[in-house]
Structure formats: C-alpha cells, structure tokens
C-alpha atoms as a PDB file:
ATOM      1  CA  UNK A   1      -7.878  10.740 -15.161  1.00  0.00           C
ATOM      2  CA  UNK A   2     -10.082  14.179 -15.723  1.00  0.00           C
ATOM      3  CA  UNK A   3      -7.372  16.278 -16.316  1.00  0.00           C
ATOM      4  CA  UNK A   4      -3.373  15.712 -18.060  1.00  0.00           C
ATOM      5  CA  UNK A   5      -0.616  15.817 -15.643  1.00  0.00           C
ATOM      6  CA  UNK A   6       2.349  14.043 -14.972  1.00  0.00           C
ATOM      7  CA  UNK A   7       2.365  10.811 -12.853  1.00  0.00           C
ATOM      8  CA  UNK A   8       5.199   9.376 -10.386  1.00  0.00           C
ATOM      9  CA  UNK A   9       5.694   6.953  -7.733  1.00  0.00           C
ATOM     10  CA  UNK A  10       3.415   4.380  -8.693  1.00  0.00           C
ATOM     11  CA  UNK A  11       1.894   1.714  -6.069  1.00  0.00           C
ATOM     12  CA  UNK A  12      -0.397  -0.887  -5.705  1.00  0.00           C
ATOM     13  CA  UNK A  13      -1.709  -3.927  -4.045  1.00  0.00           C
ATOM     14  CA  UNK A  14      -4.360  -6.649  -4.759  1.00  0.00           C
ATOM     15  CA  UNK A  15      -5.959  -9.207  -2.286  1.00  0.00           C
ATOM     16  CA  UNK A  16      -9.250 -11.625  -3.592  1.00  0.00           C
ATOM     17  CA  UNK A  17     -12.305  -8.776  -4.125  1.00  0.00           C
ATOM     18  CA  UNK A  18     -10.017  -5.913  -4.024  1.00  0.00           C
ATOM     19  CA  UNK A  19      -7.349  -4.343  -6.736  1.00  0.00           C
ATOM     20  CA  UNK A  20      -6.270  -0.600  -5.762  1.00  0.00           C
ATOM     21  CA  UNK A  21      -3.309   1.576  -7.450  1.00  0.00           C
ATOM     22  CA  UNK A  22      -1.837   5.044  -6.375  1.00  0.00           C
ATOM     23  CA  UNK A  23       0.443   7.419  -7.772  1.00  0.00           C
ATOM     24  CA  UNK A  24       1.494  11.026  -7.432  1.00  0.00           C
ATOM     25  CA  UNK A  25      -0.465  13.511  -9.754  1.00  0.00           C
ATOM     26  CA  UNK A  26       1.104  16.465 -10.554  1.00  0.00           C
ATOM     27  CA  UNK A  27      -0.687  19.551 -12.865  1.00  0.00           C
ATOM     28  CA  UNK A  28       1.702  21.924 -12.237  1.00  0.00           C
ATOM     29  CA  UNK A  29       0.476  23.743  -9.087  1.00  0.00           C
ATOM     30  CA  UNK A  30       1.760  21.127  -6.559  1.00  0.00           C
ATOM     31  CA  UNK A  31       2.137  17.393  -6.406  1.00  0.00           C
ATOM     32  CA  UNK A  32      -0.776  15.570  -4.723  1.00  0.00           C
ATOM     33  CA  UNK A  33      -1.454  11.545  -3.531  1.00  0.00           C
ATOM     34  CA  UNK A  34      -3.888   9.587  -5.699  1.00  0.00           C
ATOM     35  CA  UNK A  35      -5.223   6.618  -5.326  1.00  0.00           C
ATOM     36  CA  UNK A  36      -7.979   4.299  -6.759  1.00  0.00           C
ATOM     37  CA  UNK A  37      -9.431   0.718  -5.892  1.00  0.00           C
ATOM     38  CA  UNK A  38     -12.233  -1.790  -6.639  1.00  0.00           C
ATOM     39  CA  UNK A  39     -13.642  -3.631  -4.143  1.00  0.00           C
ATOM     40  CA  UNK A  40     -15.392  -6.544  -5.254  1.00  0.00           C
ATOM     41  CA  UNK A  41     -16.541  -9.074  -2.035  1.00  0.00           C
ATOM     42  CA  UNK A  42     -17.747 -12.429  -3.733  1.00  0.00           C
ATOM     43  CA  UNK A  43     -20.518 -12.108  -1.136  1.00  0.00           C
ATOM     44  CA  UNK A  44     -21.369  -8.522  -2.178  1.00  0.00           C
ATOM     45  CA  UNK A  45     -20.583  -5.246  -0.217  1.00  0.00           C
ATOM     46  CA  UNK A  46     -21.667  -1.895   0.579  1.00  0.00           C
ATOM     47  CA  UNK A  47     -20.729   1.886   1.610  1.00  0.00           C
ATOM     48  CA  UNK A  48     -20.165   0.275   5.570  1.00  0.00           C
ATOM     49  CA  UNK A  49     -19.722   3.619   7.746  1.00  0.00           C
ATOM     50  CA  UNK A  50     -18.821   5.522   4.729  1.00  0.00           C
ATOM     51  CA  UNK A  51     -22.110   7.831   4.929  1.00  0.00           C
ATOM     52  CA  UNK A  52     -21.155   8.479   8.843  1.00  0.00           C
ATOM     53  CA  UNK A  53     -19.021  10.820   7.897  1.00  0.00           C
ATOM     54  CA  UNK A  54     -19.690  11.184   4.128  1.00  0.00           C
ATOM     55  CA  UNK A  55     -22.466  12.933   1.746  1.00  0.00           C
ATOM     56  CA  UNK A  56     -24.605   9.575   0.312  1.00  0.00           C
ATOM     57  CA  UNK A  57     -26.964   9.664  -2.230  1.00  0.00           C
ATOM     58  CA  UNK A  58     -28.909   6.841  -4.813  1.00  0.00           C
ATOM     59  CA  UNK A  59     -28.677   7.842  -8.444  1.00  0.00           C
ATOM     60  CA  UNK A  60     -30.917   7.088 -10.677  1.00  0.00           C
ATOM     61  CA  UNK A  61     -29.573   4.148 -12.389  1.00  0.00           C
ATOM     62  CA  UNK A  62     -30.000   2.013  -8.801  1.00  0.00           C
ATOM     63  CA  UNK A  63     -25.757   3.048  -7.871  1.00  0.00           C
ATOM     64  CA  UNK A  64     -25.144   4.777  -4.757  1.00  0.00           C
ATOM     65  CA  UNK A  65     -22.225   7.699  -4.318  1.00  0.00           C
ATOM     66  CA  UNK A  66     -20.371   8.566  -1.055  1.00  0.00           C
ATOM     67  CA  UNK A  67     -18.771  12.091  -0.820  1.00  0.00           C
ATOM     68  CA  UNK A  68     -16.169  13.192   1.490  1.00  0.00           C
ATOM     69  CA  UNK A  69     -14.619  16.774   1.472  1.00  0.00           C
ATOM     70  CA  UNK A  70     -12.590  17.418   4.431  1.00  0.00           C
ATOM     71  CA  UNK A  71      -9.532  17.295   6.787  1.00  0.00           C
ATOM     72  CA  UNK A  72      -7.537  14.454   5.976  1.00  0.00           C
ATOM     73  CA  UNK A  73      -6.841  13.342   9.098  1.00  0.00           C
ATOM     74  CA  UNK A  74     -10.906  13.168  10.519  1.00  0.00           C
ATOM     75  CA  UNK A  75      -9.539  12.170  13.765  1.00  0.00           C
ATOM     76  CA  UNK A  76      -7.066  14.626  14.198  1.00  0.00           C
ATOM     77  CA  UNK A  77      -8.543  17.981  12.909  1.00  0.00           C
ATOM     78  CA  UNK A  78      -5.742  19.846  14.283  1.00  0.00           C
ATOM     79  CA  UNK A  79      -3.675  18.316  11.773  1.00  0.00           C
ATOM     80  CA  UNK A  80      -3.426  20.370   8.710  1.00  0.00           C
ATOM     81  CA  UNK A  81      -4.576  18.941   4.994  1.00  0.00           C
ATOM     82  CA  UNK A  82      -7.232  17.963   3.198  1.00  0.00           C
ATOM     83  CA  UNK A  83      -8.516  14.786   1.891  1.00  0.00           C
ATOM     84  CA  UNK A  84     -11.393  14.361  -0.830  1.00  0.00           C
ATOM     85  CA  UNK A  85     -13.103  11.247  -1.293  1.00  0.00           C
ATOM     86  CA  UNK A  86     -15.645   9.339  -4.060  1.00  0.00           C
ATOM     87  CA  UNK A  87     -17.060   6.016  -3.444  1.00  0.00           C
ATOM     88  CA  UNK A  88     -19.547   4.879  -6.173  1.00  0.00           C
ATOM     89  CA  UNK A  89     -21.059   1.540  -5.543  1.00  0.00           C
ATOM     90  CA  UNK A  90     -22.518   0.021  -8.573  1.00  0.00           C
ATOM     91  CA  UNK A  91     -25.389  -1.656  -9.072  1.00  0.00           C
ATOM     92  CA  UNK A  92     -23.103  -4.588  -9.758  1.00  0.00           C
ATOM     93  CA  UNK A  93     -21.188  -4.852  -6.394  1.00  0.00           C
ATOM     94  CA  UNK A  94     -18.450  -3.107  -7.359  1.00  0.00           C
ATOM     95  CA  UNK A  95     -17.089  -0.469  -5.348  1.00  0.00           C
ATOM     96  CA  UNK A  96     -15.061   2.150  -7.385  1.00  0.00           C
ATOM     97  CA  UNK A  97     -13.068   4.970  -4.909  1.00  0.00           C
ATOM     98  CA  UNK A  98     -10.830   7.344  -5.590  1.00  0.00           C
ATOM     99  CA  UNK A  99      -8.834   9.379  -3.479  1.00  0.00           C
ATOM    100  CA  UNK A 100      -6.918  12.543  -3.591  1.00  0.00           C
ATOM    101  CA  UNK A 101      -4.779  15.068  -1.210  1.00  0.00           C
ATOM    102  CA  UNK A 102      -3.238  18.185  -1.156  1.00  0.00           C
ATOM    103  CA  UNK A 103       0.171  16.591  -0.409  1.00  0.00           C
ATOM    104  CA  UNK A 104       2.373  14.210  -2.010  1.00  0.00           C
ATOM    105  CA  UNK A 105       1.802  11.409   0.911  1.00  0.00           C
ATOM    106  CA  UNK A 106      -1.595  10.362   1.784  1.00  0.00           C
ATOM    107  CA  UNK A 107      -2.463  11.885   5.079  1.00  0.00           C
ATOM    108  CA  UNK A 108       0.503  13.994   5.446  1.00  0.00           C
ATOM    109  CA  UNK A 109       0.758  17.233   7.275  1.00  0.00           C
ATOM    110  CA  UNK A 110       3.202  18.371   4.628  1.00  0.00           C
ATOM    111  CA  UNK A 111       1.056  20.191   2.003  1.00  0.00           C
ATOM    112  CA  UNK A 112       2.273  21.071  -1.372  1.00  0.00           C
ATOM    113  CA  UNK A 113      -1.146  22.881  -2.745  1.00  0.00           C
ATOM    114  CA  UNK A 114      -4.751  24.574  -1.058  1.00  0.00           C
ATOM    115  CA  UNK A 115      -6.151  21.665  -2.670  1.00  0.00           C
ATOM    116  CA  UNK A 116      -6.708  18.234  -4.093  1.00  0.00           C
ATOM    117  CA  UNK A 117      -5.891  18.753  -7.852  1.00  0.00           C
ATOM    118  CA  UNK A 118      -9.443  16.997  -8.817  1.00  0.00           C
ATOM    119  CA  UNK A 119     -13.080  18.388  -8.621  1.00  0.00           C
ATOM    120  CA  UNK A 120     -16.111  16.357  -7.400  1.00  0.00           C
ATOM    121  CA  UNK A 121     -17.675  16.281 -10.374  1.00  0.00           C
ATOM    122  CA  UNK A 122     -14.450  15.589 -11.986  1.00  0.00           C
ATOM    123  CA  UNK A 123     -13.503  12.590  -9.434  1.00  0.00           C
ATOM    124  CA  UNK A 124     -17.424  11.693  -9.870  1.00  0.00           C
ATOM    125  CA  UNK A 125     -17.144  11.445 -13.541  1.00  0.00           C
ATOM    126  CA  UNK A 126     -14.166   9.338 -13.140  1.00  0.00           C
ATOM    127  CA  UNK A 127     -15.238   6.680 -10.908  1.00  0.00           C
ATOM    128  CA  UNK A 128     -18.446   6.403 -13.418  1.00  0.00           C
ATOM    129  CA  UNK A 129     -16.236   5.625 -16.344  1.00  0.00           C
ATOM    130  CA  UNK A 130     -17.087   2.024 -17.494  1.00  0.00           C
ATOM    131  CA  UNK A 131     -13.437   1.377 -17.875  1.00  0.00           C
ATOM    132  CA  UNK A 132     -13.134   0.212 -14.342  1.00  0.00           C
ATOM    133  CA  UNK A 133     -13.613  -3.579 -14.392  1.00  0.00           C
ATOM    134  CA  UNK A 134     -12.777  -6.647 -12.694  1.00  0.00           C
ATOM    135  CA  UNK A 135     -11.463  -8.371 -15.307  1.00  0.00           C
ATOM    136  CA  UNK A 136      -9.735  -7.809 -18.631  1.00  0.00           C
ATOM    137  CA  UNK A 137      -8.681  -9.131 -21.999  1.00  0.00           C
ATOM    138  CA  UNK A 138      -5.444 -10.951 -23.103  1.00  0.00           C
ATOM    139  CA  UNK A 139      -4.501  -8.529 -25.451  1.00  0.00           C
ATOM    140  CA  UNK A 140      -4.990  -5.313 -22.490  1.00  0.00           C
ATOM    141  CA  UNK A 141      -2.890  -8.006 -20.409  1.00  0.00           C
ATOM    142  CA  UNK A 142       0.216  -8.059 -22.456  1.00  0.00           C
ATOM    143  CA  UNK A 143      -0.351  -4.357 -23.442  1.00  0.00           C
ATOM    144  CA  UNK A 144       0.345  -3.002 -20.077  1.00  0.00           C
ATOM    145  CA  UNK A 145       2.592  -5.774 -18.874  1.00  0.00           C
ATOM    146  CA  UNK A 146       5.484  -3.475 -19.674  1.00  0.00           C
ATOM    147  CA  UNK A 147       4.205  -1.070 -16.982  1.00  0.00           C
ATOM    148  CA  UNK A 148       4.942  -3.306 -13.977  1.00  0.00           C
ATOM    149  CA  UNK A 149       8.265  -4.914 -15.035  1.00  0.00           C
ATOM    150  CA  UNK A 150      10.735  -4.357 -12.376  1.00  0.00           C
ATOM    151  CA  UNK A 151      13.092  -0.976 -12.980  1.00  0.00           C
ATOM    152  CA  UNK A 152      15.742  -3.098 -12.438  1.00  0.00           C
ATOM    153  CA  UNK A 153      15.131  -6.480 -13.230  1.00  0.00           C
ATOM    154  CA  UNK A 154      17.687  -9.403 -11.520  1.00  0.00           C
ATOM    155  CA  UNK A 155      18.949 -11.555 -14.036  1.00  0.00           C
ATOM    156  CA  UNK A 156      17.845 -15.635 -13.807  1.00  0.00           C
ATOM    157  CA  UNK A 157      20.337 -17.944 -12.551  1.00  0.00           C
ATOM    158  CA  UNK A 158      21.381 -21.120 -13.078  1.00  0.00           C
ATOM    159  CA  UNK A 159      20.299 -24.322 -11.136  1.00  0.00           C
ATOM    160  CA  UNK A 160      23.929 -24.570  -9.879  1.00  0.00           C
ATOM    161  CA  UNK A 161      24.160 -20.694  -8.899  1.00  0.00           C
ATOM    162  CA  UNK A 162      21.044 -20.978  -7.056  1.00  0.00           C
ATOM    163  CA  UNK A 163      22.245 -23.909  -5.070  1.00  0.00           C
ATOM    164  CA  UNK A 164      25.261 -22.381  -4.725  1.00  0.00           C
ATOM    165  CA  UNK A 165      23.087 -18.912  -3.290  1.00  0.00           C
ATOM    166  CA  UNK A 166      20.893 -21.276  -1.025  1.00  0.00           C
ATOM    167  CA  UNK A 167      23.977 -22.925   0.619  1.00  0.00           C
ATOM    168  CA  UNK A 168      25.343 -19.906   1.240  1.00  0.00           C
ATOM    169  CA  UNK A 169      22.134 -18.410   2.770  1.00  0.00           C
ATOM    170  CA  UNK A 170      22.016 -21.481   5.327  1.00  0.00           C
ATOM    171  CA  UNK A 171      25.797 -21.140   6.155  1.00  0.00           C
ATOM    172  CA  UNK A 172      24.818 -17.349   7.281  1.00  0.00           C
ATOM    173  CA  UNK A 173      21.914 -18.307   8.822  1.00  0.00           C
ATOM    174  CA  UNK A 174      23.903 -21.264  10.942  1.00  0.00           C
ATOM    175  CA  UNK A 175      26.357 -18.292  11.461  1.00  0.00           C
ATOM    176  CA  UNK A 176      23.621 -15.990  12.816  1.00  0.00           C
ATOM    177  CA  UNK A 177      22.353 -19.369  15.239  1.00  0.00           C
ATOM    178  CA  UNK A 178      26.072 -20.102  16.360  1.00  0.00           C
ATOM    179  CA  UNK A 179      26.761 -16.159  17.533  1.00  0.00           C
ATOM    180  CA  UNK A 180      23.360 -16.139  19.081  1.00  0.00           C
ATOM    181  CA  UNK A 181      24.031 -18.918  21.241  1.00  0.00           C
ATOM    182  CA  UNK A 182      27.346 -17.862  22.081  1.00  0.00           C
ATOM    183  CA  UNK A 183      26.415 -14.864  23.190  1.00  0.00           C
ATOM    184  CA  UNK A 184      23.557 -16.344  25.704  1.00  0.00           C
ATOM    185  CA  UNK A 185      26.583 -18.489  27.017  1.00  0.00           C
ATOM    186  CA  UNK A 186      28.557 -15.924  27.674  1.00  0.00           C
ATOM    187  CA  UNK A 187      26.001 -14.558  29.797  1.00  0.00           C
ATOM    188  CA  UNK A 188      24.936 -17.199  31.456  1.00  0.00           C
ATOM    189  CA  UNK A 189      29.185 -17.374  32.829  1.00  0.00           C
ATOM    190  CA  UNK A 190      29.367 -13.935  33.426  1.00  0.00           C
ATOM    191  CA  UNK A 191      25.691 -14.288  35.672  1.00  0.00           C
ATOM    192  CA  UNK A 192      27.281 -17.350  37.205  1.00  0.00           C
ATOM    193  CA  UNK A 193      30.586 -15.362  38.304  1.00  0.00           C
ATOM    194  CA  UNK A 194      28.966 -12.341  39.464  1.00  0.00           C
ATOM    195  CA  UNK A 195      26.825 -14.755  41.825  1.00  0.00           C
ATOM    196  CA  UNK A 196      30.140 -16.611  42.980  1.00  0.00           C
ATOM    197  CA  UNK A 197      28.172 -19.903  41.742  1.00  0.00           C
ATOM    198  CA  UNK A 198      30.051 -22.698  39.771  1.00  0.00           C
ATOM    199  CA  UNK A 199      30.836 -21.830  36.238  1.00  0.00           C
ATOM    200  CA  UNK A 200      29.198 -24.198  33.630  1.00  0.00           C
ATOM    201  CA  UNK A 201      31.535 -26.225  32.133  1.00  0.00           C
ATOM    202  CA  UNK A 202      31.458 -24.483  28.627  1.00  0.00           C
ATOM    203  CA  UNK A 203      32.971 -21.391  30.479  1.00  0.00           C
ATOM    204  CA  UNK A 204      36.354 -22.973  30.038  1.00  0.00           C
ATOM    205  CA  UNK A 205      35.748 -22.973  25.977  1.00  0.00           C
ATOM    206  CA  UNK A 206      34.731 -19.091  25.803  1.00  0.00           C
ATOM    207  CA  UNK A 207      36.993 -16.611  24.945  1.00  0.00           C
END
C-alpha cells in the first residue's frame, strides 16, 4: 500500500481471467473501503466504457491509464460519497484497477471521512507496481496460504460420520417435502369444502 494503516474485513473473488480483493483501510482518519483487481481475459481486454466518465491517457510505455474522481453514485449524484479509481491497462493486456471510497462500504451514503485516503498519484504508483502478476511462485503460495485459512475451520469428519450427516440431511429434505405435500392437500380439502364439492378421499386422513 502507498502508506501504512490498519486493514480489516478482507474478501475477494476469482473467475477465469479475473481476480479481485477488497478490504477496509484505516489510517486513523476514518475507515475506507479499498478494492484491487486484475483483469486478464484470454482474448485480451481494454478500458471498455471507462473513458466515458474517466480521464484517459496513453503513457510512454504504451500502457493506458484511466482516472476517475467523482461521486460514488454516478447515476445518483444527489447521494453523498466520493469514489476514486485508477485503472492501468498494461502492454501485456493485464488491467490493474484500484478503487477507494470515503466510506467503509462501497457506494455507502454513511461517510467516514472527507475524502478517500490515497491521492491519485499514490493510486497510480500503486497500480504501476511490477508486483501485480497473474501468476505466483510456489514459495509465495505456501507463504501466503495461511492468510486465507478459515478463522474457524471445521474439523475433518470420518467416512462414517459423513455418511451419518448425509442421511440426516436426506431425512430433513424428505420431511420438508412431506410437509409441503400435506399443506397442499389441506388447501385442496379446504377449497373443496368451501365450494361444497365432494372432498378428495385423502381429506379423511388429514387432521
């Protein structure tokens, strides 16, 4: 990060050609939501429609930079909040995007500080860092794996216990199906009774 601070509330997601992470950053002047993503579609990508609301420039190395500083709700300017975003489309086709808000949640109207924490220059330098790569070494994988371990991992279960849990789940599902069928039959009996029609035979067995 450009400057030290306390981080919390990590989350993330990944799909083919995309990986992203988010967290809450606090430098002592108010919590702020920050997200970082790498977009590397196999067919190659671009800045898309970003330049319609961002200031886009082409840098000397051929990379393209899109900078957005504006309302956190572009479609609803009356809602307070600021969103700053830098997207760097590198020559290798990888797009590095870093977005920050002046609230602890994305696009929240509950503001925690006057402005997002980092300047555009800091975001640009951060996005330009050569450490943003789409692959990592085995050593880095082993070193960082513990960061993503569950905070309350469930203990492994034996085969017998797993079978027992599966059977219990099947019974629960069967009970739900039975209850839904019973409710349907009760409704059918009530409707027939209200219409003074002959009741279905199963109505005599329903309490």
